[in-house]
């Protein structure tokens, strides 16, 4: 079964993904993120057709603790954050969480 990519964030963030063909998205206006971002993420987490959720790293600060924990520990769908200061450590942890092994671990 193939699954889709969903993007959650401001209309400015989601537009590029929509133009690239991503069909599932949740637009949350910048000034409404504190009130509406939790609901948008929960709807996306509950969608069985979604395999990957893409969000801007800075938007994680707008999530409640429960929703942030749910999205950070979710295996399917897997969260991928872009932008912000995630750096390679964040990407490394996301890959490790998604596939269960650390591909970047160095052997002694």
PDB file of N, CA and C in Angstrom:
ATOM      1  N   UNK A   1       0.841  -1.174   0.000  1.00  0.00           N
ATOM      2  CA  UNK A   1       0.000   0.000   0.000  1.00  0.00           C
ATOM      3  C   UNK A   1       0.885   1.236   0.000  1.00  0.00           C
ATOM      4  N   UNK A   2       0.693   2.097  -0.933  1.00  0.00           N
ATOM      5  CA  UNK A   2       1.473   3.332  -0.957  1.00  0.00           C
ATOM      6  C   UNK A   2       0.784   4.381  -0.090  1.00  0.00           C
ATOM      7  N   UNK A   3       1.602   5.218   0.482  1.00  0.00           N
ATOM      8  CA  UNK A   3       1.088   6.282   1.327  1.00  0.00           C
ATOM      9  C   UNK A   3       1.575   7.616   0.798  1.00  0.00           C
ATOM     10  N   UNK A   4       0.914   8.643   1.261  1.00  0.00           N
ATOM     11  CA  UNK A   4       1.203   9.967   0.748  1.00  0.00           C
ATOM     12  C   UNK A   4       2.002  10.799   1.742  1.00  0.00           C
ATOM     13  N   UNK A   5       2.586  11.862   1.225  1.00  0.00           N
ATOM     14  CA  UNK A   5       3.236  12.873   2.046  1.00  0.00           C
ATOM     15  C   UNK A   5       2.197  13.939   2.348  1.00  0.00           C
ATOM     16  N   UNK A   6       2.163  14.378   3.597  1.00  0.00           N
ATOM     17  CA  UNK A   6       1.302  15.495   3.986  1.00  0.00           C
ATOM     18  C   UNK A   6       2.188  16.600   4.543  1.00  0.00           C
ATOM     19  N   UNK A   7       1.809  17.818   4.295  1.00  0.00           N
ATOM     20  CA  UNK A   7       2.562  18.957   4.812  1.00  0.00           C
ATOM     21  C   UNK A   7       1.625  19.810   5.660  1.00  0.00           C
ATOM     22  N   UNK A   8       2.134  20.228   6.822  1.00  0.00           N
ATOM     23  CA  UNK A   8       1.351  21.025   7.769  1.00  0.00           C
ATOM     24  C   UNK A   8       2.132  22.286   8.074  1.00  0.00           C
ATOM     25  N   UNK A   9       1.467  23.420   7.955  1.00  0.00           N
ATOM     26  CA  UNK A   9       2.140  24.675   8.284  1.00  0.00           C
ATOM     27  C   UNK A   9       1.436  25.867   7.677  1.00  0.00           C
ATOM     28  N   UNK A  10       2.142  26.951   7.627  1.00  0.00           N
ATOM     29  CA  UNK A  10       1.572  28.186   7.075  1.00  0.00           C
ATOM     30  C   UNK A  10       1.354  28.018   5.580  1.00  0.00           C
ATOM     31  N   UNK A  11       0.429  28.784   5.015  1.00  0.00           N
ATOM     32  CA  UNK A  11       0.215  28.703   3.570  1.00  0.00           C
ATOM     33  C   UNK A  11       1.500  28.953   2.774  1.00  0.00           C
ATOM     34  N   UNK A  12       2.366  29.816   3.280  1.00  0.00           N
ATOM     35  CA  UNK A  12       3.630  30.078   2.584  1.00  0.00           C
ATOM     36  C   UNK A  12       4.510  28.826   2.573  1.00  0.00           C
ATOM     37  N   UNK A  13       4.462  28.037   3.650  1.00  0.00           N
ATOM     38  CA  UNK A  13       5.264  26.820   3.735  1.00  0.00           C
ATOM     39  C   UNK A  13       4.686  25.705   2.879  1.00  0.00           C
ATOM     40  N   UNK A  14       3.374  25.571   2.845  1.00  0.00           N
ATOM     41  CA  UNK A  14       2.752  24.442   2.139  1.00  0.00           C
ATOM     42  C   UNK A  14       2.657  24.668   0.629  1.00  0.00           C
ATOM     43  N   UNK A  15       2.669  25.902   0.182  1.00  0.00           N
ATOM     44  CA  UNK A  15       2.456  26.190  -1.241  1.00  0.00           C
ATOM     45  C   UNK A  15       3.462  25.480  -2.141  1.00  0.00           C
ATOM     46  N   UNK A  16       4.715  25.520  -1.795  1.00  0.00           N
ATOM     47  CA  UNK A  16       5.740  24.881  -2.629  1.00  0.00           C
ATOM     48  C   UNK A  16       5.512  23.382  -2.747  1.00  0.00           C
ATOM     49  N   UNK A  17       5.117  22.754  -1.651  1.00  0.00           N
ATOM     50  CA  UNK A  17       4.841  21.322  -1.675  1.00  0.00           C
ATOM     51  C   UNK A  17       3.624  21.024  -2.543  1.00  0.00           C
ATOM     52  N   UNK A  18       2.605  21.873  -2.431  1.00  0.00           N
ATOM     53  CA  UNK A  18       1.393  21.677  -3.246  1.00  0.00           C
ATOM     54  C   UNK A  18       1.726  21.818  -4.725  1.00  0.00           C
ATOM     55  N   UNK A  19       2.568  22.768  -5.073  1.00  0.00           N
ATOM     56  CA  UNK A  19       2.963  22.947  -6.474  1.00  0.00           C
ATOM     57  C   UNK A  19       3.784  21.763  -6.976  1.00  0.00           C
ATOM     58  N   UNK A  20       4.474  21.089  -6.055  1.00  0.00           N
ATOM     59  CA  UNK A  20       5.273  19.915  -6.427  1.00  0.00           C
ATOM     60  C   UNK A  20       4.427  18.639  -6.483  1.00  0.00           C
ATOM     61  N   UNK A  21       3.147  18.754  -6.159  1.00  0.00           N
ATOM     62  CA  UNK A  21       2.268  17.600  -6.294  1.00  0.00           C
ATOM     63  C   UNK A  21       1.781  16.976  -5.001  1.00  0.00           C
ATOM     64  N   UNK A  22       2.182  17.524  -3.856  1.00  0.00           N
ATOM     65  CA  UNK A  22       1.675  17.007  -2.584  1.00  0.00           C
ATOM     66  C   UNK A  22       0.205  17.403  -2.469  1.00  0.00           C
ATOM     67  N   UNK A  23      -0.636  16.379  -2.294  1.00  0.00           N
ATOM     68  CA  UNK A  23      -2.079  16.636  -2.291  1.00  0.00           C
ATOM     69  C   UNK A  23      -2.676  16.810  -0.904  1.00  0.00           C
ATOM     70  N   UNK A  24      -2.014  16.277   0.099  1.00  0.00           N
ATOM     71  CA  UNK A  24      -2.546  16.395   1.461  1.00  0.00           C
ATOM     72  C   UNK A  24      -1.792  17.493   2.191  1.00  0.00           C
ATOM     73  N   UNK A  25      -2.528  18.466   2.689  1.00  0.00           N
ATOM     74  CA  UNK A  25      -1.910  19.571   3.407  1.00  0.00           C
ATOM     75  C   UNK A  25      -2.907  20.174   4.377  1.00  0.00           C
ATOM     76  N   UNK A  26      -2.370  20.817   5.396  1.00  0.00           N
ATOM     77  CA  UNK A  26      -3.167  21.572   6.366  1.00  0.00           C
ATOM     78  C   UNK A  26      -2.547  22.949   6.459  1.00  0.00           C
ATOM     79  N   UNK A  27      -3.275  23.947   6.022  1.00  0.00           N
ATOM     80  CA  UNK A  27      -2.812  25.322   6.143  1.00  0.00           C
ATOM     81  C   UNK A  27      -3.241  25.888   7.487  1.00  0.00           C
ATOM     82  N   UNK A  28      -2.289  26.438   8.206  1.00  0.00           N
ATOM     83  CA  UNK A  28      -2.579  27.101   9.481  1.00  0.00           C
ATOM     84  C   UNK A  28      -1.918  28.474   9.420  1.00  0.00           C
ATOM     85  N   UNK A  29      -2.731  29.505   9.486  1.00  0.00           N
ATOM     86  CA  UNK A  29      -2.198  30.868   9.407  1.00  0.00           C
ATOM     87  C   UNK A  29      -1.217  31.119  10.552  1.00  0.00           C
ATOM     88  N   UNK A  30      -0.204  31.904  10.250  1.00  0.00           N
ATOM     89  CA  UNK A  30       0.851  32.184  11.240  1.00  0.00           C
ATOM     90  C   UNK A  30       0.273  32.669  12.563  1.00  0.00           C
ATOM     91  N   UNK A  31      -0.719  33.559  12.503  1.00  0.00           N
ATOM     92  CA  UNK A  31      -1.273  34.139  13.731  1.00  0.00           C
ATOM     93  C   UNK A  31      -2.220  33.190  14.460  1.00  0.00           C
ATOM     94  N   UNK A  32      -2.542  32.029  13.863  1.00  0.00           N
ATOM     95  CA  UNK A  32      -3.464  31.064  14.493  1.00  0.00           C
ATOM     96  C   UNK A  32      -2.764  29.770  14.900  1.00  0.00           C
ATOM     97  N   UNK A  33      -1.455  29.727  14.795  1.00  0.00           N
ATOM     98  CA  UNK A  33      -0.750  28.466  15.072  1.00  0.00           C
ATOM     99  C   UNK A  33      -0.939  27.997  16.505  1.00  0.00           C
ATOM    100  N   UNK A  34      -0.924  28.904  17.459  1.00  0.00           N
ATOM    101  CA  UNK A  34      -1.085  28.481  18.844  1.00  0.00           C
ATOM    102  C   UNK A  34      -2.454  27.851  19.086  1.00  0.00           C
ATOM    103  N   UNK A  35      -3.483  28.293  18.365  1.00  0.00           N
ATOM    104  CA  UNK A  35      -4.832  27.752  18.569  1.00  0.00           C
ATOM    105  C   UNK A  35      -5.136  26.568  17.658  1.00  0.00           C
ATOM    106  N   UNK A  36      -4.648  26.582  16.434  1.00  0.00           N
ATOM    107  CA  UNK A  36      -5.120  25.622  15.428  1.00  0.00           C
ATOM    108  C   UNK A  36      -4.112  24.547  15.010  1.00  0.00           C
ATOM    109  N   UNK A  37      -2.843  24.708  15.338  1.00  0.00           N
ATOM    110  CA  UNK A  37      -1.845  23.762  14.833  1.00  0.00           C
ATOM    111  C   UNK A  37      -2.014  22.366  15.439  1.00  0.00           C
ATOM    112  N   UNK A  38      -2.364  22.280  16.720  1.00  0.00           N
ATOM    113  CA  UNK A  38      -2.591  20.967  17.345  1.00  0.00           C
ATOM    114  C   UNK A  38      -3.654  20.172  16.578  1.00  0.00           C
ATOM    115  N   UNK A  39      -4.785  20.811  16.291  1.00  0.00           N
ATOM    116  CA  UNK A  39      -5.871  20.112  15.589  1.00  0.00           C
ATOM    117  C   UNK A  39      -5.440  19.669  14.198  1.00  0.00           C
ATOM    118  N   UNK A  40      -4.714  20.518  13.492  1.00  0.00           N
ATOM    119  CA  UNK A  40      -4.255  20.167  12.141  1.00  0.00           C
ATOM    120  C   UNK A  40      -3.317  18.960  12.179  1.00  0.00           C
ATOM    121  N   UNK A  41      -2.409  18.933  13.143  1.00  0.00           N
ATOM    122  CA  UNK A  41      -1.469  17.812  13.258  1.00  0.00           C
ATOM    123  C   UNK A  41      -2.205  16.537  13.669  1.00  0.00           C
ATOM    124  N   UNK A  42      -3.145  16.650  14.588  1.00  0.00           N
ATOM    125  CA  UNK A  42      -3.906  15.462  15.019  1.00  0.00           C
ATOM    126  C   UNK A  42      -4.723  14.885  13.869  1.00  0.00           C
ATOM    127  N   UNK A  43      -5.319  15.734  13.051  1.00  0.00           N
ATOM    128  CA  UNK A  43      -6.068  15.239  11.873  1.00  0.00           C
ATOM    129  C   UNK A  43      -5.130  14.503  10.919  1.00  0.00           C
ATOM    130  N   UNK A  44      -3.940  15.053  10.730  1.00  0.00           N
ATOM    131  CA  UNK A  44      -2.984  14.434   9.816  1.00  0.00           C
ATOM    132  C   UNK A  44      -2.462  13.118  10.377  1.00  0.00           C
ATOM    133  N   UNK A  45      -2.199  13.067  11.679  1.00  0.00           N
ATOM    134  CA  UNK A  45      -1.751  11.817  12.311  1.00  0.00           C
ATOM    135  C   UNK A  45      -2.813  10.719  12.179  1.00  0.00           C
ATOM    136  N   UNK A  46      -4.066  11.089  12.214  1.00  0.00           N
ATOM    137  CA  UNK A  46      -5.157  10.112  12.157  1.00  0.00           C
ATOM    138  C   UNK A  46      -5.467   9.646  10.741  1.00  0.00           C
ATOM    139  N   UNK A  47      -4.885  10.275   9.743  1.00  0.00           N
ATOM    140  CA  UNK A  47      -5.155   9.926   8.344  1.00  0.00           C
ATOM    141  C   UNK A  47      -4.319   8.698   7.954  1.00  0.00           C
ATOM    142  N   UNK A  48      -4.977   7.577   7.720  1.00  0.00           N
ATOM    143  CA  UNK A  48      -4.282   6.328   7.391  1.00  0.00           C
ATOM    144  C   UNK A  48      -3.556   6.376   6.049  1.00  0.00           C
ATOM    145  N   UNK A  49      -3.882   7.325   5.208  1.00  0.00           N
ATOM    146  CA  UNK A  49      -3.241   7.435   3.890  1.00  0.00           C
ATOM    147  C   UNK A  49      -1.906   8.175   3.949  1.00  0.00           C
ATOM    148  N   UNK A  50      -1.565   8.759   5.113  1.00  0.00           N
ATOM    149  CA  UNK A  50      -0.348   9.565   5.238  1.00  0.00           C
ATOM    150  C   UNK A  50       0.782   8.727   5.831  1.00  0.00           C
ATOM    151  N   UNK A  51       1.934   8.711   5.161  1.00  0.00           N
ATOM    152  CA  UNK A  51       3.110   7.995   5.654  1.00  0.00           C
ATOM    153  C   UNK A  51       4.188   8.915   6.177  1.00  0.00           C
ATOM    154  N   UNK A  52       4.225  10.147   5.676  1.00  0.00           N
ATOM    155  CA  UNK A  52       5.227  11.130   6.089  1.00  0.00           C
ATOM    156  C   UNK A  52       4.532  12.474   6.283  1.00  0.00           C
ATOM    157  N   UNK A  53       4.806  13.098   7.423  1.00  0.00           N
ATOM    158  CA  UNK A  53       4.310  14.450   7.697  1.00  0.00           C
ATOM    159  C   UNK A  53       5.504  15.394   7.657  1.00  0.00           C
ATOM    160  N   UNK A  54       5.387  16.448   6.878  1.00  0.00           N
ATOM    161  CA  UNK A  54       6.447  17.453   6.781  1.00  0.00           C
ATOM    162  C   UNK A  54       5.968  18.723   7.469  1.00  0.00           C
ATOM    163  N   UNK A  55       6.801  19.222   8.383  1.00  0.00           N
ATOM    164  CA  UNK A  55       6.510  20.483   9.072  1.00  0.00           C
ATOM    165  C   UNK A  55       7.780  21.316   9.142  1.00  0.00           C
ATOM    166  N   UNK A  56       7.612  22.610   9.339  1.00  0.00           N
ATOM    167  CA  UNK A  56       8.763  23.467   9.601  1.00  0.00           C
ATOM    168  C   UNK A  56       9.202  23.243  11.042  1.00  0.00           C
ATOM    169  N   UNK A  57      10.488  23.168  11.272  1.00  0.00           N
ATOM    170  CA  UNK A  57      11.017  22.899  12.611  1.00  0.00           C
ATOM    171  C   UNK A  57      10.531  23.927  13.629  1.00  0.00           C
ATOM    172  N   UNK A  58      10.433  25.170  13.247  1.00  0.00           N
ATOM    173  CA  UNK A  58       9.994  26.219  14.187  1.00  0.00           C
ATOM    174  C   UNK A  58       8.554  26.012  14.647  1.00  0.00           C
ATOM    175  N   UNK A  59       7.726  25.332  13.850  1.00  0.00           N
ATOM    176  CA  UNK A  59       6.329  25.116  14.218  1.00  0.00           C
ATOM    177  C   UNK A  59       6.185  24.140  15.378  1.00  0.00           C
ATOM    178  N   UNK A  60       7.196  23.348  15.654  1.00  0.00           N
ATOM    179  CA  UNK A  60       7.117  22.404  16.769  1.00  0.00           C
ATOM    180  C   UNK A  60       6.900  23.142  18.089  1.00  0.00           C
ATOM    181  N   UNK A  61       7.379  24.378  18.180  1.00  0.00           N
ATOM    182  CA  UNK A  61       7.217  25.160  19.412  1.00  0.00           C
ATOM    183  C   UNK A  61       5.772  25.560  19.659  1.00  0.00           C
ATOM    184  N   UNK A  62       4.941  25.535  18.639  1.00  0.00           N
ATOM    185  CA  UNK A  62       3.535  25.920  18.776  1.00  0.00           C
ATOM    186  C   UNK A  62       2.654  24.748  19.213  1.00  0.00           C
ATOM    187  N   UNK A  63       3.195  23.537  19.196  1.00  0.00           N
ATOM    188  CA  UNK A  63       2.398  22.364  19.562  1.00  0.00           C
ATOM    189  C   UNK A  63       2.329  22.205  21.073  1.00  0.00           C
ATOM    190  N   UNK A  64       1.216  21.668  21.547  1.00  0.00           N
ATOM    191  CA  UNK A  64       1.114  21.326  22.972  1.00  0.00           C
ATOM    192  C   UNK A  64       2.061  20.161  23.253  1.00  0.00           C
ATOM    193  N   UNK A  65       2.361  19.939  24.511  1.00  0.00           N
ATOM    194  CA  UNK A  65       3.298  18.876  24.873  1.00  0.00           C
ATOM    195  C   UNK A  65       2.804  17.505  24.397  1.00  0.00           C
ATOM    196  N   UNK A  66       1.515  17.235  24.578  1.00  0.00           N
ATOM    197  CA  UNK A  66       0.969  15.923  24.192  1.00  0.00           C
ATOM    198  C   UNK A  66       1.055  15.687  22.688  1.00  0.00           C
ATOM    199  N   UNK A  67       0.683  16.686  21.918  1.00  0.00           N
ATOM    200  CA  UNK A  67       0.718  16.528  20.453  1.00  0.00           C
ATOM    201  C   UNK A  67       2.162  16.444  19.969  1.00  0.00           C
ATOM    202  N   UNK A  68       3.044  17.240  20.562  1.00  0.00           N
ATOM    203  CA  UNK A  68       4.455  17.182  20.167  1.00  0.00           C
ATOM    204  C   UNK A  68       5.033  15.785  20.450  1.00  0.00           C
ATOM    205  N   UNK A  69       4.709  15.234  21.605  1.00  0.00           N
ATOM    206  CA  UNK A  69       5.199  13.900  21.942  1.00  0.00           C
ATOM    207  C   UNK A  69       4.615  12.862  20.990  1.00  0.00           C
ATOM    208  N   UNK A  70       3.332  12.997  20.675  1.00  0.00           N
ATOM    209  CA  UNK A  70       2.688  12.045  19.756  1.00  0.00           C
ATOM    210  C   UNK A  70       3.338  12.071  18.379  1.00  0.00           C
ATOM    211  N   UNK A  71       3.607  13.256  17.878  1.00  0.00           N
ATOM    212  CA  UNK A  71       4.168  13.365  16.533  1.00  0.00           C
ATOM    213  C   UNK A  71       5.654  12.975  16.516  1.00  0.00           C
ATOM    214  N   UNK A  72       6.373  13.272  17.603  1.00  0.00           N
ATOM    215  CA  UNK A  72       7.797  12.928  17.644  1.00  0.00           C
ATOM    216  C   UNK A  72       8.041  11.430  17.819  1.00  0.00           C
ATOM    217  N   UNK A  73       7.096  10.728  18.426  1.00  0.00           N
ATOM    218  CA  UNK A  73       7.270   9.295  18.652  1.00  0.00           C
ATOM    219  C   UNK A  73       6.515   8.449  17.641  1.00  0.00           C
ATOM    220  N   UNK A  74       5.803   9.080  16.749  1.00  0.00           N
ATOM    221  CA  UNK A  74       5.034   8.341  15.751  1.00  0.00           C
ATOM    222  C   UNK A  74       5.968   7.667  14.730  1.00  0.00           C
ATOM    223  N   UNK A  75       5.750   6.395  14.514  1.00  0.00           N
ATOM    224  CA  UNK A  75       6.505   5.662  13.502  1.00  0.00           C
ATOM    225  C   UNK A  75       5.813   5.780  12.152  1.00  0.00           C
ATOM    226  N   UNK A  76       4.522   5.652  12.146  1.00  0.00           N
ATOM    227  CA  UNK A  76       3.765   5.771  10.906  1.00  0.00           C
ATOM    228  C   UNK A  76       2.499   6.557  11.176  1.00  0.00           C
ATOM    229  N   UNK A  77       2.396   7.749  10.736  1.00  0.00           N
ATOM    230  CA  UNK A  77       3.336   8.443   9.866  1.00  0.00           C
ATOM    231  C   UNK A  77       4.569   8.947  10.612  1.00  0.00           C
ATOM    232  N   UNK A  78       5.625   9.135   9.871  1.00  0.00           N
ATOM    233  CA  UNK A  78       6.872   9.662  10.389  1.00  0.00           C
ATOM    234  C   UNK A  78       6.935  11.164  10.155  1.00  0.00           C
ATOM    235  N   UNK A  79       7.387  11.888  11.161  1.00  0.00           N
ATOM    236  CA  UNK A  79       7.533  13.335  11.040  1.00  0.00           C
ATOM    237  C   UNK A  79       8.900  13.687  10.483  1.00  0.00           C
ATOM    238  N   UNK A  80       8.934  14.585   9.520  1.00  0.00           N
ATOM    239  CA  UNK A  80      10.171  15.155   8.998  1.00  0.00           C
ATOM    240  C   UNK A  80      10.041  16.661   9.144  1.00  0.00           C
ATOM    241  N   UNK A  81      10.993  17.264   9.868  1.00  0.00           N
ATOM    242  CA  UNK A  81      10.963  18.718  10.012  1.00  0.00           C
ATOM    243  C   UNK A  81      12.041  19.327   9.130  1.00  0.00           C
ATOM    244  N   UNK A  82      11.723  20.467   8.581  1.00  0.00           N
ATOM    245  CA  UNK A  82      12.647  21.190   7.704  1.00  0.00           C
ATOM    246  C   UNK A  82      12.884  22.580   8.260  1.00  0.00           C
ATOM    247  N   UNK A  83      14.006  23.166   7.902  1.00  0.00           N
ATOM    248  CA  UNK A  83      14.312  24.526   8.329  1.00  0.00           C
ATOM    249  C   UNK A  83      14.740  24.571   9.768  1.00  0.00           C
ATOM    250  N   UNK A  84      14.759  25.750  10.332  1.00  0.00           N
ATOM    251  CA  UNK A  84      15.164  25.909  11.716  1.00  0.00           C
ATOM    252  C   UNK A  84      16.592  25.463  11.921  1.00  0.00           C
ATOM    253  N   UNK A  85      16.908  25.030  13.106  1.00  0.00           N
ATOM    254  CA  UNK A  85      18.280  24.636  13.414  1.00  0.00           C
ATOM    255  C   UNK A  85      18.424  23.158  13.628  1.00  0.00           C
ATOM    256  N   UNK A  86      17.594  22.332  12.989  1.00  0.00           N
ATOM    257  CA  UNK A  86      17.631  20.893  13.217  1.00  0.00           C
ATOM    258  C   UNK A  86      18.995  20.309  12.884  1.00  0.00           C
ATOM    259  N   UNK A  87      19.590  20.721  11.793  1.00  0.00           N
ATOM    260  CA  UNK A  87      20.907  20.222  11.412  1.00  0.00           C
ATOM    261  C   UNK A  87      20.917  18.731  11.186  1.00  0.00           C
ATOM    262  N   UNK A  88      22.085  18.175  11.039  1.00  0.00           N
ATOM    263  CA  UNK A  88      22.201  16.761  10.722  1.00  0.00           C
ATOM    264  C   UNK A  88      21.806  15.877  11.895  1.00  0.00           C
ATOM    265  N   UNK A  89      21.928  16.365  13.136  1.00  0.00           N
ATOM    266  CA  UNK A  89      21.530  15.568  14.289  1.00  0.00           C
ATOM    267  C   UNK A  89      20.051  15.277  14.272  1.00  0.00           C
ATOM    268  N   UNK A  90      19.235  16.274  13.893  1.00  0.00           N
ATOM    269  CA  UNK A  90      17.794  16.067  13.809  1.00  0.00           C
ATOM    270  C   UNK A  90      17.440  15.088  12.717  1.00  0.00           C
ATOM    271  N   UNK A  91      18.065  15.237  11.547  1.00  0.00           N
ATOM    272  CA  UNK A  91      17.809  14.326  10.438  1.00  0.00           C
ATOM    273  C   UNK A  91      18.250  12.913  10.800  1.00  0.00           C
ATOM    274  N   UNK A  92      19.396  12.798  11.466  1.00  0.00           N
ATOM    275  CA  UNK A  92      19.901  11.488  11.888  1.00  0.00           C
ATOM    276  C   UNK A  92      18.888  10.790  12.807  1.00  0.00           C
ATOM    277  N   UNK A  93      18.365  11.533  13.777  1.00  0.00           N
ATOM    278  CA  UNK A  93      17.379  10.953  14.688  1.00  0.00           C
ATOM    279  C   UNK A  93      16.096  10.571  13.970  1.00  0.00           C
ATOM    280  N   UNK A  94      15.684  11.378  12.993  1.00  0.00           N
ATOM    281  CA  UNK A  94      14.467  11.069  12.246  1.00  0.00           C
ATOM    282  C   UNK A  94      14.637   9.790  11.437  1.00  0.00           C
ATOM    283  N   UNK A  95      15.785   9.612  10.800  1.00  0.00           N
ATOM    284  CA  UNK A  95      16.050   8.400  10.024  1.00  0.00           C
ATOM    285  C   UNK A  95      16.114   7.191  10.951  1.00  0.00           C
ATOM    286  N   UNK A  96      16.786   7.350  12.081  1.00  0.00           N
ATOM    287  CA  UNK A  96      16.903   6.255  13.043  1.00  0.00           C
ATOM    288  C   UNK A  96      15.529   5.833  13.542  1.00  0.00           C
ATOM    289  N   UNK A  97      14.690   6.805  13.839  1.00  0.00           N
ATOM    290  CA  UNK A  97      13.340   6.511  14.322  1.00  0.00           C
ATOM    291  C   UNK A  97      12.503   5.827  13.238  1.00  0.00           C
ATOM    292  N   UNK A  98      12.664   6.254  11.997  1.00  0.00           N
ATOM    293  CA  UNK A  98      11.855   5.718  10.908  1.00  0.00           C
ATOM    294  C   UNK A  98      12.203   4.279  10.550  1.00  0.00           C
ATOM    295  N   UNK A  99      13.511   3.960  10.547  1.00  0.00           N
ATOM    296  CA  UNK A  99      13.897   2.619  10.096  1.00  0.00           C
ATOM    297  C   UNK A  99      14.451   1.746  11.210  1.00  0.00           C
ATOM    298  N   UNK A 100      14.670   2.319  12.376  1.00  0.00           N
ATOM    299  CA  UNK A 100      15.066   1.526  13.531  1.00  0.00           C
ATOM    300  C   UNK A 100      16.549   1.288  13.698  1.00  0.00           C
ATOM    301  N   UNK A 101      17.384   1.772  12.806  1.00  0.00           N
ATOM    302  CA  UNK A 101      18.837   1.631  12.956  1.00  0.00           C
ATOM    303  C   UNK A 101      19.500   2.972  12.653  1.00  0.00           C
ATOM    304  N   UNK A 102      20.690   3.150  13.221  1.00  0.00           N
ATOM    305  CA  UNK A 102      21.442   4.380  13.015  1.00  0.00           C
ATOM    306  C   UNK A 102      22.403   4.169  11.845  1.00  0.00           C
ATOM    307  N   UNK A 103      22.053   4.685  10.684  1.00  0.00           N
ATOM    308  CA  UNK A 103      22.881   4.509   9.486  1.00  0.00           C
ATOM    309  C   UNK A 103      24.185   5.295   9.563  1.00  0.00           C
ATOM    310  N   UNK A 104      24.230   6.307  10.416  1.00  0.00           N
ATOM    311  CA  UNK A 104      25.406   7.161  10.476  1.00  0.00           C
ATOM    312  C   UNK A 104      26.327   6.796  11.637  1.00  0.00           C
ATOM    313  N   UNK A 105      26.005   5.731  12.349  1.00  0.00           N
ATOM    314  CA  UNK A 105      26.833   5.308  13.476  1.00  0.00           C
ATOM    315  C   UNK A 105      28.186   4.828  12.955  1.00  0.00           C
ATOM    316  N   UNK A 106      29.238   5.321  13.605  1.00  0.00           N
ATOM    317  CA  UNK A 106      30.588   4.935  13.191  1.00  0.00           C
ATOM    318  C   UNK A 106      31.027   3.707  13.970  1.00  0.00           C
ATOM    319  N   UNK A 107      31.660   2.782  13.260  1.00  0.00           N
ATOM    320  CA  UNK A 107      32.185   1.589  13.915  1.00  0.00           C
ATOM    321  C   UNK A 107      33.511   1.920  14.558  1.00  0.00           C
ATOM    322  N   UNK A 108      33.799   1.282  15.688  1.00  0.00           N
ATOM    323  CA  UNK A 108      35.082   1.505  16.382  1.00  0.00           C
ATOM    324  C   UNK A 108      36.185   0.672  15.793  1.00  0.00           C
TER     325      UNK A 108
END
